[in-house]
Amino acid sequence: MTTILFVMAVLSAAIVALYIHDRRQTRHAILRNYPVIGHFRYFAETWGEYMRQYQYLPDWAERPFNRLERSFVYRSAKGVSNLISFGSEAAPNFAFRNAPFPILDEETRHYPGKWIGTTEGAGGI
């Protein structure tokens, strides 16, 4: 019984310390206005990519401002580098899919290819 009370007292003291720290800091407006609970927002923002991987919309599909644009604005406002690598979040126009029934060797057809850069009757080779 006393260990449970001790654990609850330590946990309560940690939450009170976090509350005081959040109210006194000046770097994050969310933590200053919503102490302790504001950490859940940063947690969701950080781990949101992994949580949305299969269940939710991708980063570029939301409206009126998607997550990529919003994170660009947040980084610019805080003076942090807003450079984003190429192609990491771009939606491709094509998709590679596995064939459910692979083509057998005897079913393949020979493709003769195309001549590129030559036309008929243009005095070619």
Protein backbone atom coordinates (compact mmCIF):
# COMPACT_ATOMS: atom_id res chain seq x y z
CA MET A 1 0.00 0.00 0.00
CA THR A 2 2.80 2.40 0.84
CA THR A 3 4.62 1.70 -2.43
CA ILE A 4 1.52 2.68 -4.39
CA LEU A 5 1.25 5.93 -2.43
CA PHE A 6 4.97 6.57 -2.96
CA VAL A 7 4.68 6.00 -6.73
CA MET A 8 1.62 8.27 -6.93
CA ALA A 9 3.43 10.99 -4.93
CA VAL A 10 6.49 10.81 -7.22
CA LEU A 11 4.28 10.89 -10.32
CA SER A 12 2.32 13.87 -8.97
CA ALA A 13 5.54 15.72 -8.14
CA ALA A 14 6.84 15.07 -11.67
CA ILE A 15 3.63 16.43 -13.22
CA VAL A 16 3.74 19.54 -11.00
CA ALA A 17 7.40 20.13 -11.93
CA LEU A 18 6.56 19.76 -15.62
CA TYR A 19 3.65 22.20 -15.20
CA ILE A 20 5.88 24.81 -13.58
CA HIS A 21 8.55 24.34 -16.25
CA ASP A 22 6.01 24.69 -19.08
CA ARG A 23 4.44 27.85 -17.62
CA ARG A 24 7.82 29.57 -17.16
CA GLN A 25 9.42 28.73 -20.52
CA THR A 26 9.13 31.19 -23.45
CA ARG A 27 10.07 29.15 -26.51
CA HIS A 28 6.83 27.23 -27.16
CA ALA A 29 3.48 29.01 -27.02
CA ILE A 30 1.56 25.72 -26.98
CA LEU A 31 3.34 24.53 -23.84
CA ARG A 32 2.96 27.90 -22.15
CA ASN A 33 -0.79 28.07 -22.83
CA TYR A 34 -1.49 24.36 -22.32
CA PRO A 35 1.09 23.06 -19.85
CA VAL A 36 1.53 19.28 -19.58
CA ILE A 37 -1.24 18.58 -22.13
CA GLY A 38 0.66 20.49 -24.84
CA HIS A 39 3.27 17.72 -24.92
CA PHE A 40 0.67 15.41 -26.50
CA ARG A 41 0.44 17.77 -29.48
CA TYR A 42 4.19 17.61 -30.06
CA PHE A 43 4.09 13.85 -29.61
CA ALA A 44 1.31 13.53 -32.19
CA GLU A 45 3.14 15.86 -34.59
CA THR A 46 6.40 13.94 -34.27
CA TRP A 47 4.99 10.42 -34.45
CA GLY A 48 2.05 11.28 -36.71
CA GLU A 49 3.88 10.11 -39.82
CA TYR A 50 4.24 6.62 -38.36
CA MET A 51 0.69 6.49 -37.03
CA ARG A 52 -0.75 7.64 -40.39
CA GLN A 53 1.30 5.19 -42.41
CA TYR A 54 -1.59 2.87 -43.25
CA GLN A 55 -4.72 4.15 -41.52
CA TYR A 56 -4.92 7.82 -42.40
CA LEU A 57 -4.30 10.29 -45.21
CA PRO A 58 -0.77 11.01 -46.40
CA ASP A 59 1.00 14.31 -45.62
CA TRP A 60 0.06 15.97 -48.93
CA ALA A 61 -3.67 15.13 -49.05
CA GLU A 62 -5.13 17.46 -46.44
CA ARG A 63 -6.94 20.73 -47.06
CA PRO A 64 -6.79 23.76 -46.93
CA PHE A 65 -3.10 23.40 -45.94
CA ASN A 66 -1.43 20.03 -45.93
CA ARG A 67 1.13 18.93 -43.35
CA LEU A 68 4.09 19.65 -45.60
CA GLU A 69 3.07 23.28 -46.12
CA ARG A 70 2.22 23.74 -42.45
CA SER A 71 5.54 22.30 -41.25
CA PHE A 72 7.35 24.55 -43.78
CA VAL A 73 5.63 27.61 -42.30
CA TYR A 74 6.32 26.49 -38.70
CA ARG A 75 10.02 25.97 -39.43
CA SER A 76 10.26 29.33 -41.23
CA ALA A 77 8.55 31.17 -38.36
CA LYS A 78 10.91 29.67 -35.77
CA GLY A 79 14.00 30.51 -37.83
CA VAL A 80 14.87 26.84 -38.38
CA SER A 81 16.06 25.63 -41.78
CA ASN A 82 13.05 25.02 -44.03
CA LEU A 83 14.86 23.02 -46.69
CA ILE A 84 13.12 19.80 -47.68
CA SER A 85 14.81 16.98 -49.57
CA PHE A 86 13.66 16.21 -53.09
CA GLY A 87 11.15 13.46 -53.76
CA SER A 88 10.74 12.13 -50.26
CA GLU A 89 7.06 13.08 -49.99
CA ALA A 90 6.11 13.52 -53.66
CA ALA A 91 3.29 11.31 -54.90
CA PRO A 92 4.43 9.44 -58.03
CA ASN A 93 2.26 9.32 -61.16
CA PHE A 94 2.84 5.59 -61.47
CA ALA A 95 3.00 2.58 -59.21
CA PHE A 96 4.84 -0.71 -59.54
CA ARG A 97 2.64 -3.66 -58.70
CA ASN A 98 3.52 -7.29 -58.33
CA ALA A 99 1.97 -9.57 -60.91
CA PRO A 100 -0.45 -12.01 -59.28
CA PHE A 101 0.38 -14.58 -61.97
CA PRO A 102 3.91 -14.25 -63.38
CA ILE A 103 4.39 -14.76 -67.11
CA LEU A 104 6.02 -18.07 -68.00
CA ASP A 105 9.02 -18.19 -70.32
CA GLU A 106 7.02 -19.88 -73.08
CA GLU A 107 4.39 -17.13 -72.97
CA THR A 108 6.81 -14.25 -73.51
CA ARG A 109 6.89 -12.56 -76.93
CA HIS A 110 9.92 -11.05 -78.57
CA TYR A 111 9.87 -7.26 -78.92
CA PRO A 112 11.90 -6.14 -81.92
CA GLY A 113 12.44 -2.62 -80.59
CA LYS A 114 12.13 0.76 -82.31
CA TRP A 115 14.48 2.92 -84.29
CA ILE A 116 14.71 6.31 -82.66
CA GLY A 117 15.84 9.39 -84.56
CA THR A 118 15.35 8.06 -88.07
CA THR A 119 12.36 8.47 -90.37
CA GLU A 120 11.46 6.76 -93.62
CA GLY A 121 12.36 8.66 -96.77
CA ALA A 122 14.49 11.25 -95.01
CA GLY A 123 17.68 10.08 -96.68
CA GLY A 124 18.76 8.01 -93.75
CA ILE A 125 21.31 5.26 -93.72
